[in-house]
Amino acid sequence: MTTTEAGVEAPSENATHGYHKQKDEHLKRLRRIEGQIRGLQRMVDEDVYCIDILTQVSASTKALQSFALQLLEEHLRHCVADAAVKGGDEIDAKVQEATQAIARMLRT
């Protein structure tokens, strides 16, 4: 097992993660976001008006933020809730880990 920034032992790679049930939906969403980014490259390549590009940058940013928020919710429902059931010091570490993730999201 590896240790995360919060000092929590991360589950092994073959563990079930909170996003597991929506994995296909998440991958589909990420592919759409990837398409938006490729569209931005194309817009720059084609010398599209700056404001139009910025509008698309904003849409891409919002799409990534929305994805991150959903992933965070799934983490709270699965990983943090599981730690709460197990009890002990693990819950404090999982809450700290989630808090740090939220702080990183707010900085961007």
N, C-alpha and C. Protein backbone atom coordinates (compact mmCIF):
# COMPACT_ATOMS: atom_id res chain seq x y z
N MET A 1 0.83 -1.19 0.00
CA MET A 1 0.00 0.00 0.00
C MET A 1 0.87 1.25 0.00
N THR A 2 0.39 2.29 -0.65
CA THR A 2 1.09 3.56 -0.66
C THR A 2 0.42 4.50 0.33
N THR A 3 1.11 5.58 0.66
CA THR A 3 0.57 6.56 1.60
C THR A 3 0.25 7.84 0.85
N THR A 4 -0.90 8.44 1.13
CA THR A 4 -1.32 9.68 0.48
C THR A 4 -0.69 10.87 1.19
N GLU A 5 -0.96 12.09 0.65
CA GLU A 5 -0.43 13.31 1.26
C GLU A 5 -0.87 13.47 2.70
N ALA A 6 -2.07 13.02 3.04
CA ALA A 6 -2.60 13.17 4.39
C ALA A 6 -2.06 12.10 5.34
N GLY A 7 -1.21 11.22 4.84
CA GLY A 7 -0.66 10.17 5.66
C GLY A 7 -1.58 8.97 5.79
N VAL A 8 -2.58 8.89 4.93
CA VAL A 8 -3.53 7.79 4.94
C VAL A 8 -3.02 6.72 3.99
N GLU A 9 -3.14 5.48 4.39
CA GLU A 9 -2.75 4.41 3.48
C GLU A 9 -3.79 4.30 2.38
N ALA A 10 -3.34 4.45 1.15
CA ALA A 10 -4.24 4.36 0.00
C ALA A 10 -4.54 2.89 -0.28
N PRO A 11 -5.77 2.60 -0.71
CA PRO A 11 -6.10 1.21 -1.04
C PRO A 11 -5.23 0.71 -2.18
N SER A 12 -5.05 -0.59 -2.26
CA SER A 12 -4.27 -1.16 -3.34
C SER A 12 -4.97 -0.89 -4.67
N GLU A 13 -4.25 -1.04 -5.76
CA GLU A 13 -4.79 -0.72 -7.08
C GLU A 13 -5.98 -1.57 -7.46
N ASN A 14 -6.11 -2.76 -6.90
CA ASN A 14 -7.24 -3.61 -7.26
C ASN A 14 -8.39 -3.51 -6.26
N ALA A 15 -8.35 -2.51 -5.37
CA ALA A 15 -9.44 -2.26 -4.43
C ALA A 15 -10.59 -1.58 -5.16
N THR A 16 -11.79 -1.71 -4.61
CA THR A 16 -12.94 -1.04 -5.20
C THR A 16 -12.98 0.39 -4.69
N HIS A 17 -12.98 1.34 -5.61
CA HIS A 17 -13.00 2.76 -5.26
C HIS A 17 -14.44 3.27 -5.32
N GLY A 18 -14.66 4.44 -4.71
CA GLY A 18 -15.99 5.01 -4.65
C GLY A 18 -16.61 5.28 -6.01
N TYR A 19 -15.80 5.54 -7.00
CA TYR A 19 -16.31 5.85 -8.34
C TYR A 19 -16.56 4.61 -9.18
N HIS A 20 -16.29 3.43 -8.65
CA HIS A 20 -16.34 2.19 -9.42
C HIS A 20 -17.68 1.98 -10.15
N LYS A 21 -18.79 2.23 -9.47
CA LYS A 21 -20.10 1.97 -10.08
C LYS A 21 -20.39 2.89 -11.26
N GLN A 22 -19.78 4.08 -11.27
CA GLN A 22 -20.00 5.04 -12.35
C GLN A 22 -18.79 5.15 -13.27
N LYS A 23 -17.92 4.18 -13.24
CA LYS A 23 -16.67 4.26 -13.99
C LYS A 23 -16.91 4.54 -15.48
N ASP A 24 -17.82 3.81 -16.10
CA ASP A 24 -18.09 4.02 -17.53
C ASP A 24 -18.61 5.42 -17.80
N GLU A 25 -19.50 5.92 -16.92
CA GLU A 25 -20.02 7.28 -17.08
C GLU A 25 -18.90 8.30 -16.93
N HIS A 26 -18.03 8.07 -15.96
CA HIS A 26 -16.90 9.00 -15.75
C HIS A 26 -15.98 9.01 -16.96
N LEU A 27 -15.68 7.84 -17.49
CA LEU A 27 -14.80 7.79 -18.66
C LEU A 27 -15.43 8.50 -19.85
N LYS A 28 -16.73 8.32 -20.03
CA LYS A 28 -17.45 8.99 -21.11
C LYS A 28 -17.37 10.52 -20.94
N ARG A 29 -17.57 10.95 -19.71
CA ARG A 29 -17.51 12.39 -19.41
C ARG A 29 -16.11 12.94 -19.66
N LEU A 30 -15.09 12.20 -19.24
CA LEU A 30 -13.71 12.65 -19.45
C LEU A 30 -13.35 12.69 -20.93
N ARG A 31 -13.89 11.77 -21.70
CA ARG A 31 -13.65 11.81 -23.16
C ARG A 31 -14.28 13.05 -23.78
N ARG A 32 -15.46 13.45 -23.27
CA ARG A 32 -16.09 14.69 -23.77
C ARG A 32 -15.22 15.89 -23.44
N ILE A 33 -14.69 15.91 -22.21
CA ILE A 33 -13.82 17.01 -21.80
C ILE A 33 -12.55 17.02 -22.65
N GLU A 34 -12.02 15.84 -22.92
CA GLU A 34 -10.84 15.73 -23.79
C GLU A 34 -11.16 16.32 -25.17
N GLY A 35 -12.36 16.04 -25.67
CA GLY A 35 -12.79 16.61 -26.95
C GLY A 35 -12.86 18.12 -26.90
N GLN A 36 -13.32 18.65 -25.77
CA GLN A 36 -13.37 20.11 -25.61
C GLN A 36 -11.96 20.70 -25.67
N ILE A 37 -11.02 20.04 -25.05
CA ILE A 37 -9.63 20.53 -25.05
C ILE A 37 -9.05 20.47 -26.46
N ARG A 38 -9.31 19.38 -27.16
CA ARG A 38 -8.85 19.30 -28.56
C ARG A 38 -9.50 20.40 -29.39
N GLY A 39 -10.76 20.70 -29.09
CA GLY A 39 -11.44 21.79 -29.78
C GLY A 39 -10.75 23.13 -29.53
N LEU A 40 -10.27 23.33 -28.32
CA LEU A 40 -9.53 24.55 -28.00
C LEU A 40 -8.25 24.64 -28.83
N GLN A 41 -7.54 23.51 -28.94
CA GLN A 41 -6.33 23.49 -29.76
C GLN A 41 -6.66 23.86 -31.20
N ARG A 42 -7.74 23.30 -31.69
CA ARG A 42 -8.16 23.56 -33.07
C ARG A 42 -8.52 25.05 -33.24
N MET A 43 -9.20 25.61 -32.24
CA MET A 43 -9.59 27.02 -32.32
C MET A 43 -8.35 27.92 -32.39
N VAL A 44 -7.35 27.61 -31.59
CA VAL A 44 -6.11 28.40 -31.61
C VAL A 44 -5.42 28.23 -32.96
N ASP A 45 -5.36 26.99 -33.44
CA ASP A 45 -4.73 26.71 -34.72
C ASP A 45 -5.42 27.47 -35.86
N GLU A 46 -6.74 27.62 -35.75
CA GLU A 46 -7.52 28.29 -36.79
C GLU A 46 -7.67 29.79 -36.55
N ASP A 47 -6.94 30.32 -35.57
CA ASP A 47 -6.96 31.76 -35.27
C ASP A 47 -8.35 32.30 -34.97
N VAL A 48 -9.10 31.57 -34.15
CA VAL A 48 -10.44 32.00 -33.73
C VAL A 48 -10.30 33.18 -32.78
N TYR A 49 -11.31 34.03 -32.74
CA TYR A 49 -11.34 35.23 -31.90
C TYR A 49 -11.10 34.86 -30.43
N CYS A 50 -10.27 35.66 -29.75
CA CYS A 50 -9.85 35.38 -28.37
C CYS A 50 -11.02 35.13 -27.42
N ILE A 51 -12.03 35.97 -27.47
CA ILE A 51 -13.15 35.85 -26.55
C ILE A 51 -13.89 34.53 -26.76
N ASP A 52 -13.99 34.09 -28.00
CA ASP A 52 -14.64 32.80 -28.27
C ASP A 52 -13.84 31.65 -27.67
N ILE A 53 -12.52 31.75 -27.74
CA ILE A 53 -11.67 30.72 -27.14
C ILE A 53 -11.82 30.75 -25.62
N LEU A 54 -11.82 31.94 -25.04
CA LEU A 54 -11.97 32.07 -23.59
C LEU A 54 -13.31 31.50 -23.11
N THR A 55 -14.34 31.67 -23.91
CA THR A 55 -15.65 31.10 -23.57
C THR A 55 -15.55 29.58 -23.49
N GLN A 56 -14.84 28.98 -24.44
CA GLN A 56 -14.67 27.53 -24.44
C GLN A 56 -13.75 27.06 -23.30
N VAL A 57 -12.75 27.88 -22.96
CA VAL A 57 -11.88 27.55 -21.82
C VAL A 57 -12.73 27.51 -20.55
N SER A 58 -13.62 28.48 -20.41
CA SER A 58 -14.49 28.52 -19.24
C SER A 58 -15.38 27.30 -19.18
N ALA A 59 -15.94 26.89 -20.30
CA ALA A 59 -16.81 25.71 -20.35
C ALA A 59 -16.02 24.45 -19.99
N SER A 60 -14.79 24.34 -20.48
CA SER A 60 -13.94 23.18 -20.17
C SER A 60 -13.58 23.15 -18.69
N THR A 61 -13.27 24.31 -18.14
CA THR A 61 -12.93 24.41 -16.72
C THR A 61 -14.11 23.99 -15.86
N LYS A 62 -15.30 24.47 -16.20
CA LYS A 62 -16.51 24.11 -15.45
C LYS A 62 -16.78 22.61 -15.54
N ALA A 63 -16.55 22.03 -16.70
CA ALA A 63 -16.77 20.59 -16.87
C ALA A 63 -15.83 19.80 -15.97
N LEU A 64 -14.56 20.20 -15.90
CA LEU A 64 -13.60 19.51 -15.03
C LEU A 64 -13.95 19.72 -13.55
N GLN A 65 -14.38 20.92 -13.20
CA GLN A 65 -14.76 21.17 -11.81
C GLN A 65 -15.97 20.33 -11.41
N SER A 66 -16.92 20.21 -12.30
CA SER A 66 -18.10 19.39 -12.05
C SER A 66 -17.72 17.93 -11.87
N PHE A 67 -16.82 17.45 -12.70
CA PHE A 67 -16.33 16.07 -12.59
C PHE A 67 -15.64 15.88 -11.24
N ALA A 68 -14.78 16.81 -10.87
CA ALA A 68 -14.05 16.71 -9.60
C ALA A 68 -15.01 16.70 -8.42
N LEU A 69 -16.04 17.51 -8.47
CA LEU A 69 -17.01 17.56 -7.39
C LEU A 69 -17.75 16.24 -7.25
N GLN A 70 -18.12 15.64 -8.36
CA GLN A 70 -18.80 14.34 -8.32
C GLN A 70 -17.86 13.27 -7.74
N LEU A 71 -16.61 13.29 -8.16
CA LEU A 71 -15.64 12.33 -7.65
C LEU A 71 -15.43 12.52 -6.14
N LEU A 72 -15.39 13.76 -5.70
CA LEU A 72 -15.25 14.04 -4.28
C LEU A 72 -16.46 13.51 -3.50
N GLU A 73 -17.65 13.72 -4.03
CA GLU A 73 -18.86 13.21 -3.37
C GLU A 73 -18.80 11.69 -3.24
N GLU A 74 -18.38 11.02 -4.30
CA GLU A 74 -18.27 9.57 -4.26
C GLU A 74 -17.21 9.11 -3.25
N HIS A 75 -16.13 9.88 -3.15
CA HIS A 75 -15.09 9.57 -2.17
C HIS A 75 -15.66 9.68 -0.75
N LEU A 76 -16.42 10.73 -0.51
CA LEU A 76 -17.01 10.91 0.82
C LEU A 76 -18.00 9.79 1.15
N ARG A 77 -18.84 9.46 0.17
CA ARG A 77 -19.85 8.42 0.40
C ARG A 77 -19.24 7.03 0.58
N HIS A 78 -18.14 6.77 -0.09
CA HIS A 78 -17.56 5.43 -0.05
C HIS A 78 -16.39 5.34 0.93
N CYS A 79 -15.33 6.05 0.66
CA CYS A 79 -14.09 5.90 1.42
C CYS A 79 -14.20 6.47 2.84
N VAL A 80 -14.74 7.70 2.94
CA VAL A 80 -14.85 8.32 4.26
C VAL A 80 -15.90 7.58 5.10
N ALA A 81 -17.02 7.23 4.47
CA ALA A 81 -18.06 6.50 5.20
C ALA A 81 -17.54 5.15 5.67
N ASP A 82 -16.75 4.48 4.84
CA ASP A 82 -16.17 3.19 5.22
C ASP A 82 -15.23 3.35 6.42
N ALA A 83 -14.44 4.41 6.41
CA ALA A 83 -13.54 4.67 7.53
C ALA A 83 -14.33 4.96 8.80
N ALA A 84 -15.46 5.64 8.68
CA ALA A 84 -16.30 5.93 9.84
C ALA A 84 -16.85 4.65 10.45
N VAL A 85 -17.24 3.72 9.60
CA VAL A 85 -17.76 2.44 10.08
C VAL A 85 -16.66 1.65 10.80
N LYS A 86 -15.45 1.68 10.25
CA LYS A 86 -14.34 0.95 10.86
C LYS A 86 -13.90 1.58 12.18
N GLY A 87 -14.08 2.91 12.29
CA GLY A 87 -13.72 3.61 13.52
C GLY A 87 -12.23 3.83 13.64
N GLY A 88 -11.81 4.21 14.82
CA GLY A 88 -10.40 4.44 15.08
C GLY A 88 -9.91 5.76 14.50
N ASP A 89 -8.60 5.85 14.33
CA ASP A 89 -7.98 7.08 13.82
C ASP A 89 -8.16 7.25 12.32
N GLU A 90 -8.58 6.20 11.64
CA GLU A 90 -8.68 6.27 10.18
C GLU A 90 -9.68 7.33 9.72
N ILE A 91 -10.76 7.52 10.46
CA ILE A 91 -11.76 8.51 10.06
C ILE A 91 -11.16 9.91 10.05
N ASP A 92 -10.38 10.24 11.07
CA ASP A 92 -9.76 11.57 11.12
C ASP A 92 -8.82 11.77 9.93
N ALA A 93 -8.07 10.74 9.60
CA ALA A 93 -7.14 10.83 8.47
C ALA A 93 -7.90 10.98 7.16
N LYS A 94 -9.00 10.25 6.99
CA LYS A 94 -9.79 10.34 5.75
C LYS A 94 -10.45 11.71 5.62
N VAL A 95 -10.93 12.26 6.73
CA VAL A 95 -11.53 13.61 6.70
C VAL A 95 -10.46 14.63 6.36
N GLN A 96 -9.28 14.49 6.93
CA GLN A 96 -8.18 15.41 6.61
C GLN A 96 -7.81 15.31 5.13
N GLU A 97 -7.75 14.09 4.63
CA GLU A 97 -7.44 13.87 3.22
C GLU A 97 -8.48 14.55 2.32
N ALA A 98 -9.75 14.39 2.64
CA ALA A 98 -10.82 15.01 1.86
C ALA A 98 -10.75 16.53 1.96
N THR A 99 -10.46 17.04 3.15
CA THR A 99 -10.35 18.48 3.35
C THR A 99 -9.21 19.06 2.51
N GLN A 100 -8.10 18.35 2.46
CA GLN A 100 -6.98 18.80 1.64
C GLN A 100 -7.33 18.78 0.16
N ALA A 101 -8.08 17.78 -0.27
CA ALA A 101 -8.52 17.73 -1.66
C ALA A 101 -9.43 18.91 -1.98
N ILE A 102 -10.33 19.23 -1.08
CA ILE A 102 -11.22 20.37 -1.27
C ILE A 102 -10.41 21.66 -1.34
N ALA A 103 -9.43 21.80 -0.47
CA ALA A 103 -8.57 23.00 -0.48
C ALA A 103 -7.84 23.14 -1.81
N ARG A 104 -7.35 22.02 -2.35
CA ARG A 104 -6.68 22.08 -3.66
C ARG A 104 -7.65 22.52 -4.74
N MET A 105 -8.89 22.01 -4.67
CA MET A 105 -9.89 22.38 -5.68
C MET A 105 -10.22 23.86 -5.59
N LEU A 106 -10.26 24.41 -4.39
CA LEU A 106 -10.60 25.82 -4.22
C LEU A 106 -9.48 26.75 -4.67
N ARG A 107 -8.25 26.26 -4.62
CA ARG A 107 -7.11 27.08 -5.05
C ARG A 107 -7.08 27.28 -6.56
N THR A 108 -7.69 26.37 -7.30
CA THR A 108 -7.61 26.47 -8.76
C THR A 108 -8.66 27.37 -9.33
